[in-house]
């Protein structure tokens, strides 16, 4: 009779409302300093005194590492979750891991 309460959108709205209620309740209990500290709104760059907010980071060294970790984690997930009893699934997982190894080889060859 009340199965509609257990549907994902309704449960999401109930949990969202509960979390909003808790947030409002605990925001009244939160500590708020009377005086703002000097530099409280200033940007922080790991203690660097000469922070340049217009700096443009270079991501060319980031993407190979991101690709490596994505391939390594998904290949590990494929190896650990495939059922060994099913030969077809095992062959597909082995092909995927082989493709991941080939991708890692291409990524790190110089």
PDB file of N, CA and C in Angstrom:
ATOM      1  N   UNK A   1       0.817  -1.190   0.000  1.00  0.00           N
ATOM      2  CA  UNK A   1       0.000   0.000   0.000  1.00  0.00           C
ATOM      3  C   UNK A   1       0.867   1.263   0.000  1.00  0.00           C
ATOM      4  N   UNK A   2       1.900   1.295   0.852  1.00  0.00           N
ATOM      5  CA  UNK A   2       2.749   2.479   0.940  1.00  0.00           C
ATOM      6  C   UNK A   2       4.084   2.268   0.244  1.00  0.00           C
ATOM      7  N   UNK A   3       4.107   1.484  -0.816  1.00  0.00           N
ATOM      8  CA  UNK A   3       5.355   1.235  -1.525  1.00  0.00           C
ATOM      9  C   UNK A   3       5.862   2.459  -2.268  1.00  0.00           C
ATOM     10  N   UNK A   4       5.015   3.430  -2.548  1.00  0.00           N
ATOM     11  CA  UNK A   4       5.444   4.633  -3.248  1.00  0.00           C
ATOM     12  C   UNK A   4       6.418   5.444  -2.402  1.00  0.00           C
ATOM     13  N   UNK A   5       6.380   5.265  -1.087  1.00  0.00           N
ATOM     14  CA  UNK A   5       7.327   5.958  -0.214  1.00  0.00           C
ATOM     15  C   UNK A   5       8.752   5.444  -0.389  1.00  0.00           C
ATOM     16  N   UNK A   6       8.893   4.240  -0.894  1.00  0.00           N
ATOM     17  CA  UNK A   6      10.212   3.645  -1.046  1.00  0.00           C
ATOM     18  C   UNK A   6      10.793   3.831  -2.441  1.00  0.00           C
ATOM     19  N   UNK A   7      10.131   4.602  -3.274  1.00  0.00           N
ATOM     20  CA  UNK A   7      10.694   4.853  -4.600  1.00  0.00           C
ATOM     21  C   UNK A   7      11.872   5.817  -4.468  1.00  0.00           C
ATOM     22  N   UNK A   8      12.894   5.679  -5.307  1.00  0.00           N
ATOM     23  CA  UNK A   8      14.104   6.499  -5.155  1.00  0.00           C
ATOM     24  C   UNK A   8      13.874   8.018  -5.130  1.00  0.00           C
ATOM     25  N   UNK A   9      13.013   8.585  -5.981  1.00  0.00           N
ATOM     26  CA  UNK A   9      12.849  10.047  -5.894  1.00  0.00           C
ATOM     27  C   UNK A   9      12.247  10.495  -4.562  1.00  0.00           C
ATOM     28  N   UNK A  10      11.299   9.737  -4.052  1.00  0.00           N
ATOM     29  CA  UNK A  10      10.661  10.108  -2.782  1.00  0.00           C
ATOM     30  C   UNK A  10      11.642   9.955  -1.629  1.00  0.00           C
ATOM     31  N   UNK A  11      12.395   8.866  -1.619  1.00  0.00           N
ATOM     32  CA  UNK A  11      13.394   8.668  -0.565  1.00  0.00           C
ATOM     33  C   UNK A  11      14.458   9.759  -0.644  1.00  0.00           C
ATOM     34  N   UNK A  12      14.866  10.134  -1.857  1.00  0.00           N
ATOM     35  CA  UNK A  12      15.836  11.204  -2.018  1.00  0.00           C
ATOM     36  C   UNK A  12      15.311  12.511  -1.433  1.00  0.00           C
ATOM     37  N   UNK A  13      14.059  12.851  -1.727  1.00  0.00           N
ATOM     38  CA  UNK A  13      13.486  14.084  -1.197  1.00  0.00           C
ATOM     39  C   UNK A  13      13.352  14.040   0.318  1.00  0.00           C
ATOM     40  N   UNK A  14      13.002  12.895   0.873  1.00  0.00           N
ATOM     41  CA  UNK A  14      12.896  12.768   2.330  1.00  0.00           C
ATOM     42  C   UNK A  14      14.265  12.957   2.980  1.00  0.00           C
ATOM     43  N   UNK A  15      15.277  12.294   2.440  1.00  0.00           N
ATOM     44  CA  UNK A  15      16.625  12.418   3.001  1.00  0.00           C
ATOM     45  C   UNK A  15      17.154  13.837   2.814  1.00  0.00           C
ATOM     46  N   UNK A  16      16.906  14.437   1.655  1.00  0.00           N
ATOM     47  CA  UNK A  16      17.332  15.812   1.406  1.00  0.00           C
ATOM     48  C   UNK A  16      16.677  16.765   2.413  1.00  0.00           C
ATOM     49  N   UNK A  17      15.396  16.598   2.665  1.00  0.00           N
ATOM     50  CA  UNK A  17      14.710  17.434   3.651  1.00  0.00           C
ATOM     51  C   UNK A  17      15.264  17.234   5.046  1.00  0.00           C
ATOM     52  N   UNK A  18      15.556  15.994   5.411  1.00  0.00           N
ATOM     53  CA  UNK A  18      16.109  15.712   6.733  1.00  0.00           C
ATOM     54  C   UNK A  18      17.495  16.329   6.891  1.00  0.00           C
ATOM     55  N   UNK A  19      18.329  16.220   5.876  1.00  0.00           N
ATOM     56  CA  UNK A  19      19.665  16.798   5.937  1.00  0.00           C
ATOM     57  C   UNK A  19      19.581  18.322   5.982  1.00  0.00           C
ATOM     58  N   UNK A  20      18.649  18.919   5.228  1.00  0.00           N
ATOM     59  CA  UNK A  20      18.461  20.363   5.268  1.00  0.00           C
ATOM     60  C   UNK A  20      18.023  20.804   6.663  1.00  0.00           C
ATOM     61  N   UNK A  21      17.111  20.041   7.262  1.00  0.00           N
ATOM     62  CA  UNK A  21      16.658  20.347   8.618  1.00  0.00           C
ATOM     63  C   UNK A  21      17.823  20.280   9.605  1.00  0.00           C
ATOM     64  N   UNK A  22      18.642  19.228   9.517  1.00  0.00           N
ATOM     65  CA  UNK A  22      19.802  19.124  10.409  1.00  0.00           C
ATOM     66  C   UNK A  22      20.793  20.255  10.174  1.00  0.00           C
ATOM     67  N   UNK A  23      20.982  20.641   8.916  1.00  0.00           N
ATOM     68  CA  UNK A  23      21.887  21.740   8.609  1.00  0.00           C
ATOM     69  C   UNK A  23      21.408  23.040   9.235  1.00  0.00           C
ATOM     70  N   UNK A  24      20.117  23.321   9.139  1.00  0.00           N
ATOM     71  CA  UNK A  24      19.567  24.529   9.758  1.00  0.00           C
ATOM     72  C   UNK A  24      19.675  24.459  11.276  1.00  0.00           C
ATOM     73  N   UNK A  25      19.413  23.310  11.836  1.00  0.00           N
ATOM     74  CA  UNK A  25      19.472  23.152  13.284  1.00  0.00           C
ATOM     75  C   UNK A  25      20.887  23.362  13.801  1.00  0.00           C
ATOM     76  N   UNK A  26      21.865  22.723  13.167  1.00  0.00           N
ATOM     77  CA  UNK A  26      23.233  22.811  13.654  1.00  0.00           C
ATOM     78  C   UNK A  26      23.923  24.120  13.263  1.00  0.00           C
ATOM     79  N   UNK A  27      23.415  24.836  12.261  1.00  0.00           N
ATOM     80  CA  UNK A  27      24.017  26.122  11.917  1.00  0.00           C
ATOM     81  C   UNK A  27      23.780  27.133  13.032  1.00  0.00           C
ATOM     82  N   UNK A  28      22.707  26.972  13.789  1.00  0.00           N
ATOM     83  CA  UNK A  28      22.447  27.860  14.925  1.00  0.00           C
ATOM     84  C   UNK A  28      23.411  27.568  16.079  1.00  0.00           C
ATOM     85  N   UNK A  29      23.935  26.347  16.137  1.00  0.00           N
ATOM     86  CA  UNK A  29      24.859  25.981  17.204  1.00  0.00           C
ATOM     87  C   UNK A  29      26.318  26.214  16.828  1.00  0.00           C
ATOM     88  N   UNK A  30      26.571  26.574  15.579  1.00  0.00           N
ATOM     89  CA  UNK A  30      27.948  26.710  15.097  1.00  0.00           C
ATOM     90  C   UNK A  30      28.629  27.924  15.727  1.00  0.00           C
ATOM     91  N   UNK A  31      29.918  27.790  15.945  1.00  0.00           N
ATOM     92  CA  UNK A  31      30.717  28.875  16.503  1.00  0.00           C
ATOM     93  C   UNK A  31      30.958  29.920  15.425  1.00  0.00           C
ATOM     94  N   UNK A  32      30.679  31.180  15.748  1.00  0.00           N
ATOM     95  CA  UNK A  32      30.940  32.279  14.829  1.00  0.00           C
ATOM     96  C   UNK A  32      31.806  33.304  15.548  1.00  0.00           C
ATOM     97  N   UNK A  33      33.015  33.545  15.053  1.00  0.00           N
ATOM     98  CA  UNK A  33      33.871  34.535  15.726  1.00  0.00           C
ATOM     99  C   UNK A  33      33.297  35.939  15.582  1.00  0.00           C
ATOM    100  N   UNK A  34      33.535  36.765  16.591  1.00  0.00           N
ATOM    101  CA  UNK A  34      33.017  38.133  16.567  1.00  0.00           C
ATOM    102  C   UNK A  34      33.807  39.012  15.607  1.00  0.00           C
ATOM    103  N   UNK A  35      35.124  38.828  15.575  1.00  0.00           N
ATOM    104  CA  UNK A  35      35.977  39.634  14.701  1.00  0.00           C
ATOM    105  C   UNK A  35      36.588  38.744  13.629  1.00  0.00           C
ATOM    106  N   UNK A  36      36.641  39.276  12.418  1.00  0.00           N
ATOM    107  CA  UNK A  36      37.284  38.528  11.341  1.00  0.00           C
ATOM    108  C   UNK A  36      38.790  38.725  11.432  1.00  0.00           C
ATOM    109  N   UNK A  37      39.521  37.655  11.190  1.00  0.00           N
ATOM    110  CA  UNK A  37      40.982  37.726  11.224  1.00  0.00           C
ATOM    111  C   UNK A  37      41.496  38.426   9.970  1.00  0.00           C
ATOM    112  N   UNK A  38      42.684  39.018  10.088  1.00  0.00           N
ATOM    113  CA  UNK A  38      43.278  39.693   8.948  1.00  0.00           C
ATOM    114  C   UNK A  38      43.629  38.665   7.871  1.00  0.00           C
ATOM    115  N   UNK A  39      43.240  38.953   6.668  1.00  0.00           N
ATOM    116  CA  UNK A  39      43.530  38.055   5.558  1.00  0.00           C
ATOM    117  C   UNK A  39      42.608  36.846   5.497  1.00  0.00           C
ATOM    118  N   UNK A  40      41.484  36.894   6.183  1.00  0.00           N
ATOM    119  CA  UNK A  40      40.585  35.733   6.205  1.00  0.00           C
ATOM    120  C   UNK A  40      40.010  35.439   4.829  1.00  0.00           C
ATOM    121  N   UNK A  41      39.716  36.465   4.069  1.00  0.00           N
ATOM    122  CA  UNK A  41      39.152  36.257   2.740  1.00  0.00           C
ATOM    123  C   UNK A  41      40.189  36.207   1.637  1.00  0.00           C
ATOM    124  N   UNK A  42      41.469  36.314   1.998  1.00  0.00           N
ATOM    125  CA  UNK A  42      42.531  36.320   0.985  1.00  0.00           C
ATOM    126  C   UNK A  42      42.792  34.905   0.483  1.00  0.00           C
ATOM    127  N   UNK A  43      43.202  34.758  -0.779  1.00  0.00           N
ATOM    128  CA  UNK A  43      43.512  33.420  -1.290  1.00  0.00           C
ATOM    129  C   UNK A  43      44.732  32.837  -0.604  1.00  0.00           C
ATOM    130  N   UNK A  44      44.723  31.519  -0.458  1.00  0.00           N
ATOM    131  CA  UNK A  44      45.811  30.826   0.209  1.00  0.00           C
ATOM    132  C   UNK A  44      46.453  29.867  -0.772  1.00  0.00           C
ATOM    133  N   UNK A  45      47.764  29.921  -0.877  1.00  0.00           N
ATOM    134  CA  UNK A  45      48.474  29.052  -1.813  1.00  0.00           C
ATOM    135  C   UNK A  45      49.599  28.339  -1.082  1.00  0.00           C
ATOM    136  N   UNK A  46      49.263  27.487  -0.137  1.00  0.00           N
ATOM    137  CA  UNK A  46      50.231  26.663   0.580  1.00  0.00           C
ATOM    138  C   UNK A  46      51.314  27.489   1.254  1.00  0.00           C
ATOM    139  N   UNK A  47      50.955  28.633   1.773  1.00  0.00           N
ATOM    140  CA  UNK A  47      51.907  29.464   2.472  1.00  0.00           C
ATOM    141  C   UNK A  47      52.794  30.295   1.572  1.00  0.00           C
ATOM    142  N   UNK A  48      52.523  30.278   0.282  1.00  0.00           N
ATOM    143  CA  UNK A  48      53.333  31.049  -0.654  1.00  0.00           C
ATOM    144  C   UNK A  48      52.973  32.526  -0.529  1.00  0.00           C
ATOM    145  N   UNK A  49      53.962  33.397  -0.229  1.00  0.00           N
ATOM    146  CA  UNK A  49      53.627  34.817  -0.077  1.00  0.00           C
ATOM    147  C   UNK A  49      53.347  35.513  -1.401  1.00  0.00           C
ATOM    148  N   UNK A  50      53.922  35.063  -2.481  1.00  0.00           N
ATOM    149  CA  UNK A  50      53.737  35.710  -3.784  1.00  0.00           C
ATOM    150  C   UNK A  50      52.739  34.933  -4.617  1.00  0.00           C
ATOM    151  N   UNK A  51      51.541  34.861  -4.133  1.00  0.00           N
ATOM    152  CA  UNK A  51      50.497  34.120  -4.838  1.00  0.00           C
ATOM    153  C   UNK A  51      50.024  34.919  -6.042  1.00  0.00           C
ATOM    154  N   UNK A  52      50.032  34.295  -7.202  1.00  0.00           N
ATOM    155  CA  UNK A  52      49.563  34.937  -8.428  1.00  0.00           C
ATOM    156  C   UNK A  52      48.237  34.306  -8.818  1.00  0.00           C
ATOM    157  N   UNK A  53      47.113  35.011  -8.606  1.00  0.00           N
ATOM    158  CA  UNK A  53      45.819  34.394  -8.927  1.00  0.00           C
ATOM    159  C   UNK A  53      45.598  34.200 -10.417  1.00  0.00           C
ATOM    160  N   UNK A  54      46.426  34.814 -11.242  1.00  0.00           N
ATOM    161  CA  UNK A  54      46.269  34.672 -12.685  1.00  0.00           C
ATOM    162  C   UNK A  54      47.148  33.557 -13.256  1.00  0.00           C
ATOM    163  N   UNK A  55      47.756  32.766 -12.409  1.00  0.00           N
ATOM    164  CA  UNK A  55      48.622  31.683 -12.875  1.00  0.00           C
ATOM    165  C   UNK A  55      47.799  30.654 -13.638  1.00  0.00           C
ATOM    166  N   UNK A  56      48.339  30.189 -14.725  1.00  0.00           N
ATOM    167  CA  UNK A  56      47.678  29.174 -15.536  1.00  0.00           C
ATOM    168  C   UNK A  56      48.426  27.859 -15.375  1.00  0.00           C
ATOM    169  N   UNK A  57      47.875  26.908 -14.643  1.00  0.00           N
ATOM    170  CA  UNK A  57      48.586  25.641 -14.444  1.00  0.00           C
ATOM    171  C   UNK A  57      48.683  24.853 -15.749  1.00  0.00           C
ATOM    172  N   UNK A  58      49.734  24.074 -15.855  1.00  0.00           N
ATOM    173  CA  UNK A  58      49.965  23.248 -17.031  1.00  0.00           C
ATOM    174  C   UNK A  58      49.586  21.813 -16.685  1.00  0.00           C
ATOM    175  N   UNK A  59      48.601  21.280 -17.392  1.00  0.00           N
ATOM    176  CA  UNK A  59      48.100  19.944 -17.096  1.00  0.00           C
ATOM    177  C   UNK A  59      48.682  18.867 -18.004  1.00  0.00           C
ATOM    178  N   UNK A  60      49.705  19.178 -18.766  1.00  0.00           N
ATOM    179  CA  UNK A  60      50.235  18.184 -19.698  1.00  0.00           C
ATOM    180  C   UNK A  60      50.856  16.998 -18.966  1.00  0.00           C
ATOM    181  N   UNK A  61      51.378  17.192 -17.768  1.00  0.00           N
ATOM    182  CA  UNK A  61      51.923  16.061 -17.020  1.00  0.00           C
ATOM    183  C   UNK A  61      50.852  15.371 -16.194  1.00  0.00           C
ATOM    184  N   UNK A  62      49.711  16.008 -15.998  1.00  0.00           N
ATOM    185  CA  UNK A  62      48.641  15.413 -15.205  1.00  0.00           C
ATOM    186  C   UNK A  62      47.898  14.324 -15.970  1.00  0.00           C
ATOM    187  N   UNK A  63      47.599  14.557 -17.231  1.00  0.00           N
ATOM    188  CA  UNK A  63      46.751  13.638 -17.975  1.00  0.00           C
ATOM    189  C   UNK A  63      47.334  12.242 -18.154  1.00  0.00           C
ATOM    190  N   UNK A  64      48.632  12.072 -18.396  1.00  0.00           N
ATOM    191  CA  UNK A  64      49.146  10.698 -18.453  1.00  0.00           C
ATOM    192  C   UNK A  64      48.955   9.940 -17.137  1.00  0.00           C
ATOM    193  N   UNK A  65      49.143  10.617 -16.006  1.00  0.00           N
ATOM    194  CA  UNK A  65      48.931   9.950 -14.718  1.00  0.00           C
ATOM    195  C   UNK A  65      47.456   9.633 -14.494  1.00  0.00           C
ATOM    196  N   UNK A  66      46.583  10.546 -14.878  1.00  0.00           N
ATOM    197  CA  UNK A  66      45.147  10.289 -14.739  1.00  0.00           C
ATOM    198  C   UNK A  66      44.738   9.110 -15.617  1.00  0.00           C
ATOM    199  N   UNK A  67      45.262   9.048 -16.825  1.00  0.00           N
ATOM    200  CA  UNK A  67      44.959   7.934 -17.716  1.00  0.00           C
ATOM    201  C   UNK A  67      45.491   6.622 -17.150  1.00  0.00           C
ATOM    202  N   UNK A  68      46.712   6.667 -16.604  1.00  0.00           N
ATOM    203  CA  UNK A  68      47.301   5.476 -15.997  1.00  0.00           C
ATOM    204  C   UNK A  68      46.437   4.963 -14.851  1.00  0.00           C
ATOM    205  N   UNK A  69      46.060   5.831 -13.927  1.00  0.00           N
ATOM    206  CA  UNK A  69      45.272   5.378 -12.779  1.00  0.00           C
ATOM    207  C   UNK A  69      43.885   4.903 -13.191  1.00  0.00           C
ATOM    208  N   UNK A  70      43.296   5.548 -14.197  1.00  0.00           N
ATOM    209  CA  UNK A  70      41.999   5.079 -14.681  1.00  0.00           C
ATOM    210  C   UNK A  70      42.120   3.677 -15.262  1.00  0.00           C
ATOM    211  N   UNK A  71      43.106   3.465 -16.118  1.00  0.00           N
ATOM    212  CA  UNK A  71      43.287   2.133 -16.699  1.00  0.00           C
ATOM    213  C   UNK A  71      43.616   1.093 -15.633  1.00  0.00           C
ATOM    214  N   UNK A  72      44.505   1.432 -14.711  1.00  0.00           N
ATOM    215  CA  UNK A  72      44.909   0.475 -13.685  1.00  0.00           C
ATOM    216  C   UNK A  72      43.734   0.113 -12.779  1.00  0.00           C
ATOM    217  N   UNK A  73      42.950   1.079 -12.372  1.00  0.00           N
ATOM    218  CA  UNK A  73      41.851   0.782 -11.459  1.00  0.00           C
ATOM    219  C   UNK A  73      40.727   0.016 -12.148  1.00  0.00           C
ATOM    220  N   UNK A  74      40.400   0.387 -13.371  1.00  0.00           N
ATOM    221  CA  UNK A  74      39.333  -0.333 -14.069  1.00  0.00           C
ATOM    222  C   UNK A  74      39.786  -1.748 -14.429  1.00  0.00           C
ATOM    223  N   UNK A  75      41.048  -1.918 -14.807  1.00  0.00           N
ATOM    224  CA  UNK A  75      41.557  -3.269 -15.085  1.00  0.00           C
ATOM    225  C   UNK A  75      41.539  -4.120 -13.814  1.00  0.00           C
ATOM    226  N   UNK A  76      41.911  -3.532 -12.697  1.00  0.00           N
ATOM    227  CA  UNK A  76      41.854  -4.263 -11.429  1.00  0.00           C
ATOM    228  C   UNK A  76      40.420  -4.622 -11.078  1.00  0.00           C
ATOM    229  N   UNK A  77      39.498  -3.700 -11.299  1.00  0.00           N
ATOM    230  CA  UNK A  77      38.087  -3.986 -11.048  1.00  0.00           C
ATOM    231  C   UNK A  77      37.597  -5.124 -11.932  1.00  0.00           C
ATOM    232  N   UNK A  78      38.008  -5.129 -13.192  1.00  0.00           N
ATOM    233  CA  UNK A  78      37.601  -6.199 -14.105  1.00  0.00           C
ATOM    234  C   UNK A  78      38.183  -7.545 -13.663  1.00  0.00           C
ATOM    235  N   UNK A  79      39.437  -7.545 -13.240  1.00  0.00           N
ATOM    236  CA  UNK A  79      40.071  -8.812 -12.847  1.00  0.00           C
ATOM    237  C   UNK A  79      39.456  -9.370 -11.567  1.00  0.00           C
ATOM    238  N   UNK A  80      39.061  -8.526 -10.657  1.00  0.00           N
ATOM    239  CA  UNK A  80      38.592  -9.014  -9.357  1.00  0.00           C
ATOM    240  C   UNK A  80      37.106  -9.306  -9.316  1.00  0.00           C
ATOM    241  N   UNK A  81      36.321  -8.773 -10.239  1.00  0.00           N
ATOM    242  CA  UNK A  81      34.874  -8.988 -10.149  1.00  0.00           C
ATOM    243  C   UNK A  81      34.324  -9.961 -11.183  1.00  0.00           C
ATOM    244  N   UNK A  82      35.141 -10.416 -12.113  1.00  0.00           N
ATOM    245  CA  UNK A  82      34.629 -11.337 -13.120  1.00  0.00           C
ATOM    246  C   UNK A  82      34.486 -12.736 -12.508  1.00  0.00           C
ATOM    247  N   UNK A  83      33.365 -13.395 -12.780  1.00  0.00           N
ATOM    248  CA  UNK A  83      33.220 -14.755 -12.258  1.00  0.00           C
ATOM    249  C   UNK A  83      34.125 -15.726 -13.027  1.00  0.00           C
ATOM    250  N   UNK A  84      34.899 -16.497 -12.298  1.00  0.00           N
ATOM    251  CA  UNK A  84      35.840 -17.415 -12.925  1.00  0.00           C
ATOM    252  C   UNK A  84      35.102 -18.595 -13.566  1.00  0.00           C
ATOM    253  N   UNK A  85      33.922 -18.918 -13.060  1.00  0.00           N
ATOM    254  CA  UNK A  85      33.187 -20.067 -13.580  1.00  0.00           C
ATOM    255  C   UNK A  85      32.721 -19.856 -15.016  1.00  0.00           C
ATOM    256  N   UNK A  86      32.477 -18.608 -15.392  1.00  0.00           N
ATOM    257  CA  UNK A  86      32.001 -18.302 -16.731  1.00  0.00           C
ATOM    258  C   UNK A  86      33.202 -18.056 -17.645  1.00  0.00           C
ATOM    259  N   UNK A  87      33.419 -18.957 -18.588  1.00  0.00           N
ATOM    260  CA  UNK A  87      34.562 -18.845 -19.486  1.00  0.00           C
ATOM    261  C   UNK A  87      34.438 -17.624 -20.398  1.00  0.00           C
ATOM    262  N   UNK A  88      33.238 -17.345 -20.859  1.00  0.00           N
ATOM    263  CA  UNK A  88      33.036 -16.203 -21.752  1.00  0.00           C
ATOM    264  C   UNK A  88      33.374 -14.891 -21.034  1.00  0.00           C
ATOM    265  N   UNK A  89      32.913 -14.723 -19.794  1.00  0.00           N
ATOM    266  CA  UNK A  89      33.209 -13.504 -19.039  1.00  0.00           C
ATOM    267  C   UNK A  89      34.699 -13.416 -18.730  1.00  0.00           C
ATOM    268  N   UNK A  90      35.308 -14.555 -18.452  1.00  0.00           N
ATOM    269  CA  UNK A  90      36.745 -14.560 -18.163  1.00  0.00           C
ATOM    270  C   UNK A  90      37.545 -14.144 -19.390  1.00  0.00           C
ATOM    271  N   UNK A  91      37.155 -14.636 -20.560  1.00  0.00           N
ATOM    272  CA  UNK A  91      37.857 -14.276 -21.797  1.00  0.00           C
ATOM    273  C   UNK A  91      37.687 -12.787 -22.090  1.00  0.00           C
ATOM    274  N   UNK A  92      36.475 -12.254 -21.888  1.00  0.00           N
ATOM    275  CA  UNK A  92      36.256 -10.824 -22.106  1.00  0.00           C
ATOM    276  C   UNK A  92      37.079  -9.986 -21.134  1.00  0.00           C
ATOM    277  N   UNK A  93      37.148 -10.413 -19.880  1.00  0.00           N
ATOM    278  CA  UNK A  93      37.955  -9.680 -18.897  1.00  0.00           C
ATOM    279  C   UNK A  93      39.432  -9.761 -19.253  1.00  0.00           C
ATOM    280  N   UNK A  94      39.888 -10.918 -19.709  1.00  0.00           N
ATOM    281  CA  UNK A  94      41.290 -11.060 -20.106  1.00  0.00           C
ATOM    282  C   UNK A  94      41.597 -10.178 -21.320  1.00  0.00           C
ATOM    283  N   UNK A  95      40.661 -10.091 -22.260  1.00  0.00           N
ATOM    284  CA  UNK A  95      40.851  -9.211 -23.411  1.00  0.00           C
ATOM    285  C   UNK A  95      40.902  -7.750 -22.964  1.00  0.00           C
ATOM    286  N   UNK A  96      40.063  -7.380 -22.002  1.00  0.00           N
ATOM    287  CA  UNK A  96      40.065  -6.011 -21.503  1.00  0.00           C
ATOM    288  C   UNK A  96      41.384  -5.693 -20.805  1.00  0.00           C
ATOM    289  N   UNK A  97      41.860  -6.615 -19.986  1.00  0.00           N
ATOM    290  CA  UNK A  97      43.129  -6.400 -19.280  1.00  0.00           C
ATOM    291  C   UNK A  97      44.272  -6.331 -20.291  1.00  0.00           C
ATOM    292  N   UNK A  98      44.225  -7.140 -21.329  1.00  0.00           N
ATOM    293  CA  UNK A  98      45.236  -7.057 -22.386  1.00  0.00           C
ATOM    294  C   UNK A  98      45.198  -5.707 -23.089  1.00  0.00           C
ATOM    295  N   UNK A  99      44.005  -5.213 -23.360  1.00  0.00           N
ATOM    296  CA  UNK A  99      43.874  -3.880 -23.956  1.00  0.00           C
ATOM    297  C   UNK A  99      44.389  -2.794 -23.022  1.00  0.00           C
ATOM    298  N   UNK A 100      44.138  -2.947 -21.721  1.00  0.00           N
ATOM    299  CA  UNK A 100      44.644  -1.977 -20.744  1.00  0.00           C
ATOM    300  C   UNK A 100      46.166  -2.027 -20.700  1.00  0.00           C
ATOM    301  N   UNK A 101      46.731  -3.214 -20.759  1.00  0.00           N
ATOM    302  CA  UNK A 101      48.195  -3.338 -20.771  1.00  0.00           C
ATOM    303  C   UNK A 101      48.772  -2.695 -22.031  1.00  0.00           C
ATOM    304  N   UNK A 102      48.120  -2.887 -23.162  1.00  0.00           N
ATOM    305  CA  UNK A 102      48.563  -2.251 -24.403  1.00  0.00           C
ATOM    306  C   UNK A 102      48.466  -0.728 -24.288  1.00  0.00           C
ATOM    307  N   UNK A 103      47.388  -0.245 -23.705  1.00  0.00           N
ATOM    308  CA  UNK A 103      47.237   1.198 -23.498  1.00  0.00           C
ATOM    309  C   UNK A 103      48.304   1.765 -22.589  1.00  0.00           C
ATOM    310  N   UNK A 104      48.652   1.028 -21.537  1.00  0.00           N
ATOM    311  CA  UNK A 104      49.728   1.478 -20.636  1.00  0.00           C
ATOM    312  C   UNK A 104      51.079   1.453 -21.340  1.00  0.00           C
ATOM    313  N   UNK A 105      51.296   0.463 -22.189  1.00  0.00           N
ATOM    314  CA  UNK A 105      52.542   0.402 -22.948  1.00  0.00           C
ATOM    315  C   UNK A 105      52.658   1.615 -23.875  1.00  0.00           C
ATOM    316  N   UNK A 106      51.569   1.923 -24.574  1.00  0.00           N
ATOM    317  CA  UNK A 106      51.581   3.079 -25.472  1.00  0.00           C
ATOM    318  C   UNK A 106      51.766   4.361 -24.687  1.00  0.00           C
ATOM    319  N   UNK A 107      51.173   4.433 -23.514  1.00  0.00           N
ATOM    320  CA  UNK A 107      51.263   5.646 -22.694  1.00  0.00           C
ATOM    321  C   UNK A 107      52.698   5.907 -22.231  1.00  0.00           C
ATOM    322  N   UNK A 108      53.417   4.848 -21.846  1.00  0.00           N
ATOM    323  CA  UNK A 108      54.721   5.051 -21.239  1.00  0.00           C
ATOM    324  C   UNK A 108      55.903   4.788 -22.163  1.00  0.00           C
ATOM    325  N   UNK A 109      55.666   4.505 -23.445  1.00  0.00           N
ATOM    326  CA  UNK A 109      56.804   4.347 -24.343  1.00  0.00           C
ATOM    327  C   UNK A 109      57.340   5.718 -24.706  1.00  0.00           C
ATOM    328  N   UNK A 110      58.616   5.784 -24.945  1.00  0.00           N
ATOM    329  CA  UNK A 110      59.227   7.079 -25.282  1.00  0.00           C
ATOM    330  C   UNK A 110      60.172   6.933 -26.423  1.00  0.00           C
TER     331      UNK A 110
END
